[in-house]
Amino acid sequence: MARLALMAAAVVLAFLAAAPVTEVAAKRWIVGDNKFWNPNINYTIWAQDKHFYLDDWLYFVYERNQYNVIEVNETNYISCNADNPIANWSRGSGRDVVHLNVTRHYYLISGSGGGCYGGMKLDVLVEKPPPPPIAAPIKNSAARAFSDFGFAHQFFIPVAVFTVIGTMWDAVLRFC
């Protein structure tokens, strides 16, 4: 019975090892990098070479009680008007987080301390993540022949390896 459980575990492990894993990780952006959320910084330049994807996070670090993080529409973003905010992301600690959970523009400003007029404004366009890269075609004929097995080589080879290892382990246990 124990041997059957060991073999079942080996098959499950082989399947998990052979299954392709696609990893998509949200990125955490510290706004302004090491300059943080402060006046006299051009956040348009900071953001221009970055791609913001769905489920990324913006971290705003600033002097609490001096500035804040307010989401506004495009018109209020241009005019630095925080009177009708879409959202107030400030929590009073000077360490605020904006979860980019919708694909759209986020217009963020500091609505206090004159921060927006000092450049504390950020326009972020959130996009869907790009599809995973497609594997390059195989040029080597031997490698191409091996790849023609498709799923078989992803599943049966690891199963065979685990079976051989299990058989060898069983033989070692019988002789000891």
N, C-alpha and C. Protein backbone atom coordinates (compact mmCIF):
# COMPACT_ATOMS: atom_id res chain seq x y z
N MET A 1 0.82 -1.19 0.00
CA MET A 1 0.00 0.00 0.00
C MET A 1 0.87 1.25 0.00
N ALA A 2 1.94 1.22 0.81
CA ALA A 2 2.84 2.38 0.88
C ALA A 2 3.52 2.60 -0.46
N ARG A 3 3.83 1.48 -1.14
CA ARG A 3 4.48 1.60 -2.44
C ARG A 3 3.55 2.26 -3.45
N LEU A 4 2.27 1.92 -3.41
CA LEU A 4 1.28 2.52 -4.30
C LEU A 4 1.15 4.01 -4.03
N ALA A 5 1.15 4.39 -2.76
CA ALA A 5 1.07 5.81 -2.40
C ALA A 5 2.30 6.56 -2.89
N LEU A 6 3.47 5.91 -2.77
CA LEU A 6 4.71 6.53 -3.24
C LEU A 6 4.67 6.73 -4.75
N MET A 7 4.19 5.74 -5.47
CA MET A 7 4.11 5.86 -6.92
C MET A 7 3.09 6.93 -7.32
N ALA A 8 1.97 7.01 -6.62
CA ALA A 8 0.97 8.04 -6.92
C ALA A 8 1.55 9.42 -6.68
N ALA A 9 2.29 9.56 -5.59
CA ALA A 9 2.92 10.85 -5.29
C ALA A 9 3.95 11.20 -6.37
N ALA A 10 4.69 10.19 -6.85
CA ALA A 10 5.68 10.44 -7.89
C ALA A 10 5.00 10.90 -9.18
N VAL A 11 3.88 10.28 -9.52
CA VAL A 11 3.16 10.67 -10.74
C VAL A 11 2.64 12.11 -10.61
N VAL A 12 2.08 12.45 -9.45
CA VAL A 12 1.58 13.81 -9.24
C VAL A 12 2.73 14.82 -9.33
N LEU A 13 3.85 14.51 -8.69
CA LEU A 13 5.00 15.40 -8.75
C LEU A 13 5.52 15.55 -10.18
N ALA A 14 5.54 14.46 -10.91
CA ALA A 14 5.99 14.52 -12.30
C ALA A 14 5.07 15.40 -13.14
N PHE A 15 3.77 15.25 -12.92
CA PHE A 15 2.82 16.08 -13.67
C PHE A 15 3.00 17.55 -13.33
N LEU A 16 3.15 17.86 -12.06
CA LEU A 16 3.34 19.26 -11.66
C LEU A 16 4.64 19.83 -12.21
N ALA A 17 5.68 19.01 -12.24
CA ALA A 17 6.96 19.48 -12.77
C ALA A 17 6.89 19.71 -14.27
N ALA A 18 6.06 18.93 -14.96
CA ALA A 18 5.99 19.04 -16.41
C ALA A 18 5.02 20.11 -16.87
N ALA A 19 4.07 20.47 -16.05
CA ALA A 19 3.06 21.46 -16.45
C ALA A 19 3.70 22.82 -16.62
N PRO A 20 3.43 23.48 -17.74
CA PRO A 20 3.99 24.82 -17.93
C PRO A 20 3.35 25.80 -16.96
N VAL A 21 4.16 26.68 -16.42
CA VAL A 21 3.69 27.66 -15.44
C VAL A 21 3.88 29.04 -16.04
N THR A 22 2.80 29.79 -16.11
CA THR A 22 2.87 31.16 -16.58
C THR A 22 2.81 32.07 -15.36
N GLU A 23 3.81 32.89 -15.20
CA GLU A 23 3.87 33.76 -14.04
C GLU A 23 3.60 35.19 -14.47
N VAL A 24 2.59 35.77 -13.88
CA VAL A 24 2.29 37.17 -14.12
C VAL A 24 2.28 37.84 -12.76
N ALA A 25 3.21 38.73 -12.57
CA ALA A 25 3.31 39.39 -11.28
C ALA A 25 3.04 40.87 -11.45
N ALA A 26 2.21 41.38 -10.56
CA ALA A 26 1.96 42.82 -10.56
C ALA A 26 3.22 43.53 -10.10
N LYS A 27 3.42 44.71 -10.62
CA LYS A 27 4.61 45.48 -10.28
C LYS A 27 4.25 46.55 -9.26
N ARG A 28 5.15 46.78 -8.37
CA ARG A 28 5.00 47.84 -7.37
C ARG A 28 5.88 49.01 -7.80
N TRP A 29 5.25 50.14 -8.11
CA TRP A 29 5.97 51.33 -8.56
C TRP A 29 6.04 52.32 -7.41
N ILE A 30 7.24 52.72 -7.02
CA ILE A 30 7.40 53.81 -6.06
C ILE A 30 7.45 55.09 -6.89
N VAL A 31 6.41 55.90 -6.76
CA VAL A 31 6.27 57.10 -7.59
C VAL A 31 7.43 58.04 -7.33
N GLY A 32 8.15 58.40 -8.40
CA GLY A 32 9.31 59.28 -8.29
C GLY A 32 10.59 58.56 -7.94
N ASP A 33 10.52 57.23 -7.82
CA ASP A 33 11.67 56.42 -7.40
C ASP A 33 12.24 56.96 -6.09
N ASN A 34 13.52 57.27 -6.04
CA ASN A 34 14.14 57.71 -4.78
C ASN A 34 13.86 59.18 -4.46
N LYS A 35 13.15 59.89 -5.34
CA LYS A 35 12.77 61.29 -5.06
C LYS A 35 11.36 61.37 -4.48
N PHE A 36 10.63 60.26 -4.57
CA PHE A 36 9.30 60.10 -4.00
C PHE A 36 8.29 61.11 -4.56
N TRP A 37 7.26 61.44 -3.80
CA TRP A 37 6.16 62.33 -4.22
C TRP A 37 6.42 63.68 -3.59
N ASN A 38 7.13 64.52 -4.33
CA ASN A 38 7.57 65.83 -3.84
C ASN A 38 7.42 66.88 -4.94
N PRO A 39 7.38 68.16 -4.57
CA PRO A 39 7.30 69.21 -5.59
C PRO A 39 8.61 69.31 -6.38
N ASN A 40 8.51 70.00 -7.50
CA ASN A 40 9.65 70.28 -8.38
C ASN A 40 10.25 69.03 -9.02
N ILE A 41 9.41 68.02 -9.23
CA ILE A 41 9.82 66.81 -9.94
C ILE A 41 8.84 66.64 -11.09
N ASN A 42 9.36 66.33 -12.27
CA ASN A 42 8.51 66.15 -13.44
C ASN A 42 8.08 64.68 -13.52
N TYR A 43 6.88 64.40 -13.06
CA TYR A 43 6.39 63.03 -13.04
C TYR A 43 5.99 62.53 -14.43
N THR A 44 5.79 63.45 -15.37
CA THR A 44 5.55 63.04 -16.75
C THR A 44 6.81 62.36 -17.30
N ILE A 45 7.96 62.96 -17.03
CA ILE A 45 9.23 62.35 -17.45
C ILE A 45 9.46 61.04 -16.71
N TRP A 46 9.15 61.02 -15.41
CA TRP A 46 9.32 59.79 -14.62
C TRP A 46 8.52 58.64 -15.23
N ALA A 47 7.29 58.92 -15.68
CA ALA A 47 6.39 57.86 -16.15
C ALA A 47 6.54 57.52 -17.62
N GLN A 48 7.23 58.35 -18.40
CA GLN A 48 7.19 58.20 -19.86
C GLN A 48 7.78 56.89 -20.38
N ASP A 49 8.75 56.30 -19.72
CA ASP A 49 9.35 55.07 -20.22
C ASP A 49 8.85 53.83 -19.48
N LYS A 50 7.77 53.99 -18.74
CA LYS A 50 7.23 52.88 -17.96
C LYS A 50 5.90 52.41 -18.56
N HIS A 51 5.64 51.12 -18.41
CA HIS A 51 4.35 50.56 -18.81
C HIS A 51 3.63 50.14 -17.54
N PHE A 52 2.44 50.66 -17.36
CA PHE A 52 1.64 50.35 -16.18
C PHE A 52 0.55 49.37 -16.62
N TYR A 53 0.53 48.22 -15.96
CA TYR A 53 -0.39 47.16 -16.34
C TYR A 53 -1.43 46.93 -15.25
N LEU A 54 -2.51 46.30 -15.67
CA LEU A 54 -3.61 45.97 -14.77
C LEU A 54 -3.08 45.24 -13.54
N ASP A 55 -3.52 45.66 -12.38
CA ASP A 55 -3.15 45.12 -11.06
C ASP A 55 -1.77 45.53 -10.57
N ASP A 56 -1.12 46.47 -11.25
CA ASP A 56 0.08 47.08 -10.68
C ASP A 56 -0.34 47.97 -9.52
N TRP A 57 0.65 48.44 -8.75
CA TRP A 57 0.40 49.28 -7.58
C TRP A 57 1.29 50.51 -7.65
N LEU A 58 0.73 51.67 -7.33
CA LEU A 58 1.51 52.90 -7.20
C LEU A 58 1.67 53.19 -5.72
N TYR A 59 2.91 53.37 -5.28
CA TYR A 59 3.20 53.72 -3.89
C TYR A 59 3.66 55.17 -3.85
N PHE A 60 2.95 55.97 -3.09
CA PHE A 60 3.28 57.39 -2.93
C PHE A 60 3.88 57.58 -1.55
N VAL A 61 5.09 58.12 -1.51
CA VAL A 61 5.78 58.40 -0.25
C VAL A 61 6.03 59.90 -0.19
N TYR A 62 5.56 60.56 0.87
CA TYR A 62 5.68 62.01 0.96
C TYR A 62 5.56 62.45 2.42
N GLU A 63 5.82 63.74 2.66
CA GLU A 63 5.68 64.32 4.00
C GLU A 63 4.20 64.38 4.36
N ARG A 64 3.84 63.62 5.37
CA ARG A 64 2.43 63.62 5.76
C ARG A 64 2.02 64.99 6.27
N ASN A 65 0.77 65.29 6.16
CA ASN A 65 0.17 66.57 6.55
C ASN A 65 0.62 67.73 5.68
N GLN A 66 1.46 67.50 4.68
CA GLN A 66 1.85 68.57 3.76
C GLN A 66 1.24 68.36 2.38
N TYR A 67 1.16 67.11 1.95
CA TYR A 67 0.66 66.79 0.62
C TYR A 67 -0.36 65.67 0.72
N ASN A 68 -0.93 65.29 -0.41
CA ASN A 68 -1.86 64.17 -0.44
C ASN A 68 -1.89 63.59 -1.85
N VAL A 69 -2.73 62.59 -2.05
CA VAL A 69 -2.89 61.95 -3.35
C VAL A 69 -4.38 61.94 -3.67
N ILE A 70 -4.76 62.74 -4.66
CA ILE A 70 -6.16 62.88 -5.05
C ILE A 70 -6.30 62.46 -6.51
N GLU A 71 -7.31 61.65 -6.80
CA GLU A 71 -7.61 61.29 -8.19
C GLU A 71 -8.69 62.23 -8.71
N VAL A 72 -8.43 62.80 -9.89
CA VAL A 72 -9.36 63.75 -10.50
C VAL A 72 -9.58 63.37 -11.97
N ASN A 73 -10.48 64.08 -12.63
CA ASN A 73 -10.66 63.86 -14.06
C ASN A 73 -9.60 64.64 -14.84
N GLU A 74 -9.57 64.47 -16.15
CA GLU A 74 -8.52 65.08 -16.97
C GLU A 74 -8.56 66.61 -16.90
N THR A 75 -9.74 67.20 -16.93
CA THR A 75 -9.86 68.66 -16.88
C THR A 75 -9.29 69.20 -15.58
N ASN A 76 -9.65 68.59 -14.47
CA ASN A 76 -9.14 69.03 -13.17
C ASN A 76 -7.66 68.72 -13.00
N TYR A 77 -7.18 67.70 -13.67
CA TYR A 77 -5.75 67.39 -13.67
C TYR A 77 -4.98 68.52 -14.34
N ILE A 78 -5.46 68.96 -15.49
CA ILE A 78 -4.78 70.03 -16.23
C ILE A 78 -4.77 71.32 -15.43
N SER A 79 -5.89 71.63 -14.76
CA SER A 79 -6.01 72.90 -14.03
C SER A 79 -5.60 72.80 -12.56
N CYS A 80 -5.15 71.63 -12.11
CA CYS A 80 -4.77 71.42 -10.70
C CYS A 80 -5.93 71.72 -9.74
N ASN A 81 -7.12 71.28 -10.10
CA ASN A 81 -8.31 71.52 -9.29
C ASN A 81 -8.70 70.23 -8.56
N ALA A 82 -8.62 70.26 -7.23
CA ALA A 82 -8.95 69.08 -6.43
C ALA A 82 -10.32 69.20 -5.76
N ASP A 83 -11.15 70.15 -6.22
CA ASP A 83 -12.44 70.40 -5.57
C ASP A 83 -13.44 69.25 -5.73
N ASN A 84 -13.41 68.54 -6.84
CA ASN A 84 -14.35 67.44 -7.09
C ASN A 84 -13.58 66.15 -7.37
N PRO A 85 -12.97 65.57 -6.35
CA PRO A 85 -12.13 64.38 -6.60
C PRO A 85 -12.95 63.15 -6.95
N ILE A 86 -12.36 62.30 -7.76
CA ILE A 86 -12.92 60.98 -8.03
C ILE A 86 -12.65 60.09 -6.82
N ALA A 87 -11.44 60.21 -6.27
CA ALA A 87 -11.06 59.43 -5.09
C ALA A 87 -9.97 60.18 -4.33
N ASN A 88 -9.99 60.03 -3.02
CA ASN A 88 -8.92 60.55 -2.17
C ASN A 88 -8.16 59.33 -1.66
N TRP A 89 -6.96 59.13 -2.18
CA TRP A 89 -6.17 57.96 -1.83
C TRP A 89 -5.34 58.17 -0.57
N SER A 90 -5.38 59.36 -0.02
CA SER A 90 -4.56 59.67 1.16
C SER A 90 -5.16 59.05 2.41
N ARG A 91 -4.30 58.52 3.25
CA ARG A 91 -4.72 57.92 4.51
C ARG A 91 -4.07 58.61 5.70
N GLY A 92 -3.34 59.69 5.44
CA GLY A 92 -2.76 60.47 6.52
C GLY A 92 -1.38 60.06 6.97
N SER A 93 -0.84 58.99 6.42
CA SER A 93 0.46 58.50 6.88
C SER A 93 1.61 58.98 6.02
N GLY A 94 1.30 59.51 4.82
CA GLY A 94 2.36 59.86 3.89
C GLY A 94 2.89 58.65 3.14
N ARG A 95 2.17 57.55 3.24
CA ARG A 95 2.52 56.30 2.55
C ARG A 95 1.23 55.76 1.95
N ASP A 96 0.88 56.24 0.78
CA ASP A 96 -0.41 55.88 0.19
C ASP A 96 -0.23 54.98 -1.02
N VAL A 97 -1.23 54.14 -1.24
CA VAL A 97 -1.17 53.12 -2.28
C VAL A 97 -2.38 53.25 -3.19
N VAL A 98 -2.13 53.19 -4.49
CA VAL A 98 -3.21 53.19 -5.48
C VAL A 98 -3.10 51.87 -6.25
N HIS A 99 -4.16 51.07 -6.16
CA HIS A 99 -4.21 49.81 -6.90
C HIS A 99 -4.77 50.11 -8.28
N LEU A 100 -4.00 49.81 -9.30
CA LEU A 100 -4.42 50.07 -10.69
C LEU A 100 -5.22 48.86 -11.18
N ASN A 101 -6.48 48.81 -10.79
CA ASN A 101 -7.29 47.63 -11.04
C ASN A 101 -8.30 47.79 -12.18
N VAL A 102 -8.19 48.89 -12.94
CA VAL A 102 -9.05 49.12 -14.10
C VAL A 102 -8.16 49.65 -15.23
N THR A 103 -8.39 49.16 -16.45
CA THR A 103 -7.61 49.67 -17.59
C THR A 103 -8.22 51.00 -18.03
N ARG A 104 -7.52 52.08 -17.68
CA ARG A 104 -7.97 53.44 -18.00
C ARG A 104 -6.88 54.42 -17.61
N HIS A 105 -7.13 55.71 -17.82
CA HIS A 105 -6.23 56.76 -17.33
C HIS A 105 -6.51 57.00 -15.85
N TYR A 106 -5.45 57.18 -15.09
CA TYR A 106 -5.55 57.63 -13.70
C TYR A 106 -4.88 59.00 -13.66
N TYR A 107 -5.63 60.02 -13.27
CA TYR A 107 -5.09 61.38 -13.14
C TYR A 107 -4.96 61.67 -11.65
N LEU A 108 -3.73 61.74 -11.18
CA LEU A 108 -3.45 61.88 -9.75
C LEU A 108 -2.70 63.18 -9.50
N ILE A 109 -3.15 63.91 -8.48
CA ILE A 109 -2.51 65.18 -8.13
C ILE A 109 -2.38 65.28 -6.62
N SER A 110 -1.54 66.20 -6.18
CA SER A 110 -1.54 66.60 -4.77
C SER A 110 -2.43 67.81 -4.68
N GLY A 111 -3.49 67.68 -3.90
CA GLY A 111 -4.47 68.76 -3.80
C GLY A 111 -4.23 69.69 -2.64
N SER A 112 -3.13 69.52 -1.93
CA SER A 112 -2.86 70.41 -0.79
C SER A 112 -1.44 70.92 -0.86
N GLY A 113 -1.20 72.00 -0.17
CA GLY A 113 0.15 72.57 -0.08
C GLY A 113 0.67 73.12 -1.39
N GLY A 114 -0.20 73.33 -2.37
CA GLY A 114 0.26 73.84 -3.67
C GLY A 114 1.09 72.83 -4.43
N GLY A 115 1.04 71.57 -4.01
CA GLY A 115 1.88 70.54 -4.63
C GLY A 115 1.64 70.37 -6.12
N CYS A 116 0.39 70.40 -6.54
CA CYS A 116 0.09 70.21 -7.97
C CYS A 116 0.73 71.31 -8.80
N TYR A 117 0.65 72.54 -8.32
CA TYR A 117 1.26 73.65 -9.06
C TYR A 117 2.79 73.53 -9.06
N GLY A 118 3.33 72.80 -8.10
CA GLY A 118 4.77 72.55 -8.05
C GLY A 118 5.18 71.31 -8.82
N GLY A 119 4.23 70.72 -9.57
CA GLY A 119 4.56 69.57 -10.41
C GLY A 119 4.08 68.23 -9.88
N MET A 120 3.43 68.20 -8.72
CA MET A 120 3.00 66.93 -8.14
C MET A 120 1.69 66.48 -8.80
N LYS A 121 1.83 65.98 -10.03
CA LYS A 121 0.71 65.46 -10.79
C LYS A 121 1.21 64.33 -11.67
N LEU A 122 0.41 63.30 -11.77
CA LEU A 122 0.83 62.09 -12.49
C LEU A 122 -0.35 61.57 -13.31
N ASP A 123 -0.11 61.36 -14.60
CA ASP A 123 -1.09 60.78 -15.52
C ASP A 123 -0.58 59.39 -15.88
N VAL A 124 -1.34 58.37 -15.52
CA VAL A 124 -0.94 56.99 -15.77
C VAL A 124 -2.01 56.32 -16.62
N LEU A 125 -1.58 55.71 -17.72
CA LEU A 125 -2.49 54.92 -18.55
C LEU A 125 -2.24 53.45 -18.23
N VAL A 126 -3.27 52.78 -17.72
CA VAL A 126 -3.16 51.37 -17.34
C VAL A 126 -3.64 50.52 -18.51
N GLU A 127 -2.79 49.54 -18.88
CA GLU A 127 -3.07 48.65 -20.00
C GLU A 127 -3.22 47.22 -19.53
N LYS A 128 -3.79 46.40 -20.39
CA LYS A 128 -3.82 44.97 -20.12
C LYS A 128 -2.40 44.44 -20.26
N PRO A 129 -2.02 43.43 -19.49
CA PRO A 129 -0.67 42.88 -19.63
C PRO A 129 -0.47 42.29 -21.02
N PRO A 130 0.76 42.33 -21.53
CA PRO A 130 1.02 41.75 -22.84
C PRO A 130 0.92 40.23 -22.77
N PRO A 131 0.63 39.58 -23.89
CA PRO A 131 0.58 38.12 -23.88
C PRO A 131 1.99 37.56 -23.66
N PRO A 132 2.07 36.35 -23.15
CA PRO A 132 3.40 35.76 -22.95
C PRO A 132 4.11 35.60 -24.29
N PRO A 133 5.45 35.66 -24.27
CA PRO A 133 6.19 35.54 -25.53
C PRO A 133 6.00 34.16 -26.16
N ILE A 134 6.02 34.14 -27.48
CA ILE A 134 5.90 32.89 -28.22
C ILE A 134 7.29 32.31 -28.39
N ALA A 135 7.41 31.02 -28.18
CA ALA A 135 8.71 30.36 -28.30
C ALA A 135 9.19 30.44 -29.75
N ALA A 136 10.49 30.61 -29.91
CA ALA A 136 11.09 30.67 -31.25
C ALA A 136 11.01 29.28 -31.89
N PRO A 137 10.90 29.22 -33.21
CA PRO A 137 10.86 27.92 -33.88
C PRO A 137 12.17 27.17 -33.67
N ILE A 138 12.06 25.86 -33.59
CA ILE A 138 13.24 25.02 -33.37
C ILE A 138 13.90 24.75 -34.72
N LYS A 139 15.21 25.00 -34.81
CA LYS A 139 15.93 24.84 -36.08
C LYS A 139 16.64 23.50 -36.18
N ASN A 140 17.08 22.94 -35.07
CA ASN A 140 17.81 21.68 -35.05
C ASN A 140 16.83 20.54 -35.33
N SER A 141 17.12 19.68 -36.32
CA SER A 141 16.19 18.62 -36.69
C SER A 141 16.00 17.60 -35.57
N ALA A 142 17.05 17.30 -34.82
CA ALA A 142 16.91 16.36 -33.71
C ALA A 142 16.02 16.96 -32.62
N ALA A 143 16.22 18.21 -32.33
CA ALA A 143 15.38 18.88 -31.33
C ALA A 143 13.95 18.99 -31.82
N ARG A 144 13.77 19.23 -33.14
CA ARG A 144 12.42 19.33 -33.69
C ARG A 144 11.71 17.98 -33.57
N ALA A 145 12.42 16.89 -33.85
CA ALA A 145 11.82 15.57 -33.74
C ALA A 145 11.39 15.31 -32.30
N PHE A 146 12.20 15.73 -31.34
CA PHE A 146 11.85 15.55 -29.94
C PHE A 146 10.64 16.40 -29.57
N SER A 147 10.55 17.61 -30.12
CA SER A 147 9.44 18.50 -29.78
C SER A 147 8.14 18.04 -30.41
N ASP A 148 8.20 17.19 -31.45
CA ASP A 148 6.99 16.70 -32.09
C ASP A 148 6.19 15.80 -31.16
N PHE A 149 6.79 15.35 -30.06
CA PHE A 149 6.05 14.56 -29.09
C PHE A 149 4.99 15.40 -28.39
N GLY A 150 5.12 16.73 -28.45
CA GLY A 150 4.13 17.63 -27.84
C GLY A 150 4.04 17.41 -26.35
N PHE A 151 2.83 17.17 -25.87
CA PHE A 151 2.60 16.99 -24.44
C PHE A 151 3.29 15.75 -23.91
N ALA A 152 3.48 14.76 -24.78
CA ALA A 152 4.07 13.50 -24.34
C ALA A 152 5.42 13.71 -23.67
N HIS A 153 6.27 14.52 -24.27
CA HIS A 153 7.59 14.70 -23.66
C HIS A 153 7.52 15.53 -22.40
N GLN A 154 6.47 16.34 -22.25
CA GLN A 154 6.34 17.13 -21.02
C GLN A 154 5.82 16.27 -19.88
N PHE A 155 5.12 15.22 -20.18
CA PHE A 155 4.52 14.42 -19.12
C PHE A 155 5.23 13.08 -18.92
N PHE A 156 5.41 12.32 -19.99
CA PHE A 156 5.89 10.96 -19.84
C PHE A 156 7.36 10.86 -19.47
N ILE A 157 8.18 11.76 -19.94
CA ILE A 157 9.60 11.70 -19.58
C ILE A 157 9.79 11.93 -18.08
N PRO A 158 9.20 12.98 -17.48
CA PRO A 158 9.33 13.10 -16.02
C PRO A 158 8.74 11.91 -15.27
N VAL A 159 7.63 11.35 -15.77
CA VAL A 159 7.05 10.17 -15.12
C VAL A 159 8.05 9.01 -15.19
N ALA A 160 8.67 8.84 -16.35
CA ALA A 160 9.66 7.77 -16.49
C ALA A 160 10.84 7.98 -15.55
N VAL A 161 11.29 9.22 -15.44
CA VAL A 161 12.42 9.52 -14.55
C VAL A 161 12.04 9.20 -13.11
N PHE A 162 10.86 9.64 -12.68
CA PHE A 162 10.43 9.36 -11.31
C PHE A 162 10.21 7.87 -11.09
N THR A 163 9.74 7.15 -12.10
CA THR A 163 9.56 5.71 -11.97
C THR A 163 10.91 5.01 -11.79
N VAL A 164 11.89 5.40 -12.58
CA VAL A 164 13.23 4.82 -12.45
C VAL A 164 13.80 5.12 -11.07
N ILE A 165 13.67 6.36 -10.63
CA ILE A 165 14.19 6.73 -9.30
C ILE A 165 13.46 5.94 -8.22
N GLY A 166 12.14 5.82 -8.36
CA GLY A 166 11.37 5.05 -7.37
C GLY A 166 11.77 3.59 -7.34
N THR A 167 12.00 3.01 -8.51
CA THR A 167 12.42 1.61 -8.59
C THR A 167 13.79 1.43 -7.96
N MET A 168 14.71 2.35 -8.24
CA MET A 168 16.05 2.26 -7.65
C MET A 168 15.96 2.40 -6.13
N TRP A 169 15.13 3.32 -5.66
CA TRP A 169 14.98 3.52 -4.21
C TRP A 169 14.41 2.26 -3.57
N ASP A 170 13.43 1.65 -4.23
CA ASP A 170 12.83 0.42 -3.72
C ASP A 170 13.89 -0.68 -3.64
N ALA A 171 14.74 -0.77 -4.66
CA ALA A 171 15.80 -1.78 -4.65
C ALA A 171 16.79 -1.53 -3.51
N VAL A 172 17.13 -0.27 -3.27
CA VAL A 172 18.05 0.06 -2.18
C VAL A 172 17.44 -0.34 -0.85
N LEU A 173 16.16 -0.06 -0.65
CA LEU A 173 15.50 -0.40 0.61
C LEU A 173 15.43 -1.91 0.83
N ARG A 174 15.29 -2.70 -0.23
CA ARG A 174 15.21 -4.15 -0.08
C ARG A 174 16.55 -4.77 0.29
N PHE A 175 17.65 -4.17 -0.20
CA PHE A 175 18.97 -4.71 0.09
C PHE A 175 19.53 -4.22 1.41
N CYS A 176 18.93 -3.21 2.00
CA CYS A 176 19.45 -2.68 3.27
C CYS A 176 18.81 -3.32 4.46
